[in-house]
Structure formats: C-alpha cells, structure tokens
Amino acid sequence: MDLRDLAVSGTTFAIRVSPGARRAGLSRGEDGQLRVVVTAVPEKGRANDAVRRMLAKALGVAPTRLTLLRGQTSRDKLFRLD
C-alpha cells in the first residue's frame, strides 16, 4: 500500500496492530484506520520495530522519522512523522 500522499511532517497515524501473524501486511479499514499485520512477536519491542519499518516503507520515509507516541504495549498505537 502506498501512503506517500500522507507523508507530511507532523502528521499522526492511528494504527491497529496484529502481531505474530503468518504474513505481514498493511491495509486501511472502512473507517479509515490503518491496520498493520506483522510476523514479529510482541516481545522486547520487536513488533513495534516491524510496524515502524512497514509504515515508513509505505510512506517513503526513513523509519527514524517515525516516533511512537502512544501504545508501546497496546495493539492500538499512535505514530507521528517528524
């Protein structure tokens, strides 16, 4: 999924994450919320890192430009593009 049109500095992204899946993927629900499925397990920040990398790739930016604002241990996360 290409989200380059949303890559504006200061934009926040509310994301629903499903870790530990067989396949990774990114989609947008009917309500407009981004849904990310990652193969990484939710321990030691591995799933958060996988989500950050996948979102950065879709936005066409470096992963270091994404900051996790809320949801370190939750399935609902809020990222900001710096």
N, C-alpha and C. Protein backbone atom coordinates (compact mmCIF):
# COMPACT_ATOMS: atom_id res chain seq x y z
N MET A 1 0.84 -1.17 0.00
CA MET A 1 0.00 0.00 0.00
C MET A 1 0.89 1.24 0.00
N ASP A 2 0.58 2.18 -0.84
CA ASP A 2 1.36 3.41 -0.97
C ASP A 2 0.66 4.53 -0.20
N LEU A 3 1.35 5.08 0.79
CA LEU A 3 0.80 6.17 1.61
C LEU A 3 1.63 7.44 1.47
N ARG A 4 2.35 7.56 0.37
CA ARG A 4 3.24 8.71 0.19
C ARG A 4 2.49 10.05 0.23
N ASP A 5 1.22 10.04 -0.15
CA ASP A 5 0.44 11.28 -0.12
C ASP A 5 0.18 11.77 1.31
N LEU A 6 0.34 10.89 2.30
CA LEU A 6 0.13 11.25 3.70
C LEU A 6 1.42 11.64 4.41
N ALA A 7 2.54 11.60 3.71
CA ALA A 7 3.85 11.84 4.32
C ALA A 7 4.12 13.33 4.50
N VAL A 8 3.42 13.92 5.46
CA VAL A 8 3.60 15.33 5.79
C VAL A 8 4.12 15.41 7.22
N SER A 9 5.18 16.16 7.42
CA SER A 9 5.78 16.27 8.74
C SER A 9 4.75 16.76 9.76
N GLY A 10 4.71 16.08 10.92
CA GLY A 10 3.76 16.43 11.97
C GLY A 10 2.48 15.62 11.96
N THR A 11 2.27 14.85 10.91
CA THR A 11 1.06 14.03 10.81
C THR A 11 1.12 12.87 11.79
N THR A 12 -0.02 12.55 12.40
CA THR A 12 -0.09 11.40 13.30
C THR A 12 -0.88 10.29 12.62
N PHE A 13 -0.53 9.06 12.95
CA PHE A 13 -1.17 7.89 12.36
C PHE A 13 -1.65 6.97 13.47
N ALA A 14 -2.96 6.76 13.54
CA ALA A 14 -3.53 5.80 14.48
C ALA A 14 -3.53 4.45 13.79
N ILE A 15 -2.95 3.46 14.44
CA ILE A 15 -2.76 2.15 13.82
C ILE A 15 -3.24 1.06 14.76
N ARG A 16 -3.91 0.07 14.17
CA ARG A 16 -4.30 -1.15 14.90
C ARG A 16 -3.35 -2.25 14.45
N VAL A 17 -2.66 -2.88 15.39
CA VAL A 17 -1.62 -3.86 15.08
C VAL A 17 -2.05 -5.27 15.46
N SER A 18 -1.72 -6.23 14.59
CA SER A 18 -1.90 -7.65 14.88
C SER A 18 -0.53 -8.31 14.75
N PRO A 19 0.12 -8.59 15.88
CA PRO A 19 1.45 -9.20 15.83
C PRO A 19 1.38 -10.72 15.73
N GLY A 20 2.49 -11.34 15.37
CA GLY A 20 2.59 -12.79 15.35
C GLY A 20 1.80 -13.47 14.25
N ALA A 21 1.57 -12.78 13.14
CA ALA A 21 0.80 -13.35 12.03
C ALA A 21 1.71 -14.16 11.10
N ARG A 22 1.11 -14.92 10.23
CA ARG A 22 1.88 -15.68 9.24
C ARG A 22 2.43 -14.80 8.14
N ARG A 23 1.65 -13.78 7.76
CA ARG A 23 2.04 -12.86 6.70
C ARG A 23 1.93 -11.43 7.20
N ALA A 24 2.83 -10.60 6.73
CA ALA A 24 2.79 -9.18 7.07
C ALA A 24 1.97 -8.44 6.02
N GLY A 25 1.33 -7.37 6.45
CA GLY A 25 0.55 -6.58 5.51
C GLY A 25 0.07 -5.28 6.12
N LEU A 26 -0.34 -4.37 5.26
CA LEU A 26 -0.83 -3.06 5.66
C LEU A 26 -2.10 -2.79 4.89
N SER A 27 -3.15 -2.37 5.59
CA SER A 27 -4.41 -2.07 4.91
C SER A 27 -5.10 -0.93 5.62
N ARG A 28 -6.10 -0.39 4.94
CA ARG A 28 -6.90 0.68 5.51
C ARG A 28 -8.33 0.18 5.64
N GLY A 29 -8.87 0.23 6.85
CA GLY A 29 -10.21 -0.25 7.10
C GLY A 29 -11.26 0.70 6.53
N GLU A 30 -12.50 0.27 6.56
CA GLU A 30 -13.59 1.11 6.05
C GLU A 30 -13.72 2.40 6.85
N ASP A 31 -13.34 2.35 8.12
CA ASP A 31 -13.40 3.54 8.97
C ASP A 31 -12.20 4.47 8.76
N GLY A 32 -11.27 4.08 7.88
CA GLY A 32 -10.10 4.88 7.57
C GLY A 32 -8.90 4.59 8.43
N GLN A 33 -9.06 3.75 9.47
CA GLN A 33 -7.94 3.43 10.35
C GLN A 33 -6.98 2.46 9.65
N LEU A 34 -5.70 2.71 9.84
CA LEU A 34 -4.68 1.83 9.28
C LEU A 34 -4.58 0.57 10.12
N ARG A 35 -4.45 -0.56 9.47
CA ARG A 35 -4.29 -1.85 10.14
C ARG A 35 -3.01 -2.48 9.63
N VAL A 36 -2.16 -2.86 10.57
CA VAL A 36 -0.86 -3.45 10.22
C VAL A 36 -0.79 -4.83 10.83
N VAL A 37 -0.42 -5.80 10.01
CA VAL A 37 -0.23 -7.18 10.46
C VAL A 37 1.25 -7.49 10.28
N VAL A 38 1.91 -7.91 11.38
CA VAL A 38 3.34 -8.20 11.32
C VAL A 38 3.60 -9.62 11.80
N THR A 39 4.70 -10.19 11.32
CA THR A 39 5.07 -11.54 11.72
C THR A 39 5.85 -11.54 13.03
N ALA A 40 6.37 -10.41 13.42
CA ALA A 40 7.18 -10.31 14.64
C ALA A 40 6.31 -10.54 15.88
N VAL A 41 6.92 -11.12 16.89
CA VAL A 41 6.21 -11.38 18.14
C VAL A 41 6.26 -10.12 19.02
N PRO A 42 5.25 -9.94 19.87
CA PRO A 42 5.20 -8.72 20.69
C PRO A 42 6.04 -8.82 21.96
N GLU A 43 7.33 -8.98 21.79
CA GLU A 43 8.21 -9.00 22.95
C GLU A 43 9.48 -8.22 22.64
N LYS A 44 9.96 -7.50 23.63
CA LYS A 44 11.18 -6.69 23.52
C LYS A 44 11.11 -5.66 22.39
N GLY A 45 9.91 -5.19 22.07
CA GLY A 45 9.75 -4.15 21.05
C GLY A 45 9.87 -4.61 19.62
N ARG A 46 9.95 -5.91 19.40
CA ARG A 46 10.14 -6.41 18.03
C ARG A 46 8.96 -6.07 17.12
N ALA A 47 7.74 -6.22 17.62
CA ALA A 47 6.55 -5.92 16.81
C ALA A 47 6.49 -4.41 16.52
N ASN A 48 6.80 -3.58 17.50
CA ASN A 48 6.81 -2.13 17.29
C ASN A 48 7.81 -1.74 16.21
N ASP A 49 8.99 -2.34 16.24
CA ASP A 49 10.00 -2.05 15.22
C ASP A 49 9.52 -2.48 13.83
N ALA A 50 8.88 -3.63 13.76
CA ALA A 50 8.36 -4.12 12.48
C ALA A 50 7.27 -3.19 11.94
N VAL A 51 6.42 -2.71 12.82
CA VAL A 51 5.36 -1.77 12.41
C VAL A 51 5.99 -0.48 11.92
N ARG A 52 6.97 0.03 12.65
CA ARG A 52 7.65 1.27 12.26
C ARG A 52 8.29 1.13 10.87
N ARG A 53 8.97 0.01 10.63
CA ARG A 53 9.61 -0.20 9.32
C ARG A 53 8.58 -0.31 8.19
N MET A 54 7.47 -1.02 8.45
CA MET A 54 6.45 -1.20 7.42
C MET A 54 5.76 0.13 7.10
N LEU A 55 5.44 0.89 8.12
CA LEU A 55 4.80 2.19 7.92
C LEU A 55 5.74 3.15 7.19
N ALA A 56 7.00 3.15 7.57
CA ALA A 56 7.99 4.02 6.92
C ALA A 56 8.13 3.68 5.44
N LYS A 57 8.13 2.40 5.12
CA LYS A 57 8.24 1.98 3.72
C LYS A 57 7.03 2.45 2.93
N ALA A 58 5.84 2.33 3.50
CA ALA A 58 4.62 2.76 2.81
C ALA A 58 4.58 4.28 2.62
N LEU A 59 5.16 5.01 3.59
CA LEU A 59 5.19 6.47 3.50
C LEU A 59 6.34 6.98 2.65
N GLY A 60 7.34 6.12 2.41
CA GLY A 60 8.51 6.53 1.64
C GLY A 60 9.47 7.39 2.44
N VAL A 61 9.55 7.13 3.75
CA VAL A 61 10.45 7.90 4.62
C VAL A 61 11.34 6.94 5.40
N ALA A 62 12.32 7.48 6.09
CA ALA A 62 13.20 6.66 6.93
C ALA A 62 12.46 6.28 8.21
N PRO A 63 12.66 5.06 8.70
CA PRO A 63 12.00 4.63 9.94
C PRO A 63 12.32 5.53 11.14
N THR A 64 13.47 6.16 11.13
CA THR A 64 13.84 7.02 12.24
C THR A 64 12.99 8.29 12.31
N ARG A 65 12.27 8.61 11.25
CA ARG A 65 11.39 9.79 11.26
C ARG A 65 10.05 9.52 11.93
N LEU A 66 9.76 8.25 12.27
CA LEU A 66 8.51 7.91 12.93
C LEU A 66 8.74 7.73 14.43
N THR A 67 7.93 8.42 15.22
CA THR A 67 8.02 8.36 16.66
C THR A 67 6.75 7.73 17.22
N LEU A 68 6.92 6.74 18.08
CA LEU A 68 5.78 6.10 18.73
C LEU A 68 5.37 6.98 19.90
N LEU A 69 4.19 7.59 19.80
CA LEU A 69 3.71 8.49 20.84
C LEU A 69 2.95 7.76 21.94
N ARG A 70 2.16 6.77 21.53
CA ARG A 70 1.30 6.07 22.47
C ARG A 70 1.10 4.64 22.01
N GLY A 71 1.03 3.71 22.98
CA GLY A 71 0.72 2.33 22.66
C GLY A 71 1.90 1.39 22.64
N GLN A 72 2.90 1.65 23.45
CA GLN A 72 4.10 0.80 23.48
C GLN A 72 3.75 -0.68 23.67
N THR A 73 2.79 -0.97 24.55
CA THR A 73 2.42 -2.36 24.83
C THR A 73 0.98 -2.67 24.40
N SER A 74 0.38 -1.79 23.65
CA SER A 74 -1.01 -1.96 23.22
C SER A 74 -1.09 -2.30 21.74
N ARG A 75 -2.22 -2.84 21.32
CA ARG A 75 -2.42 -3.11 19.89
C ARG A 75 -2.79 -1.83 19.14
N ASP A 76 -3.30 -0.85 19.86
CA ASP A 76 -3.63 0.45 19.25
C ASP A 76 -2.47 1.40 19.50
N LYS A 77 -1.88 1.90 18.42
CA LYS A 77 -0.68 2.72 18.51
C LYS A 77 -0.89 4.04 17.80
N LEU A 78 -0.13 5.03 18.23
CA LEU A 78 -0.16 6.34 17.59
C LEU A 78 1.27 6.73 17.25
N PHE A 79 1.55 6.89 15.96
CA PHE A 79 2.86 7.30 15.47
C PHE A 79 2.77 8.71 14.94
N ARG A 80 3.88 9.46 15.06
CA ARG A 80 3.97 10.80 14.48
C ARG A 80 5.14 10.83 13.51
N LEU A 81 4.94 11.46 12.37
CA LEU A 81 6.01 11.64 11.39
C LEU A 81 6.73 12.93 11.68
N ASP A 82 8.01 12.85 11.99
CA ASP A 82 8.81 14.05 12.30
C ASP A 82 9.50 14.58 11.08
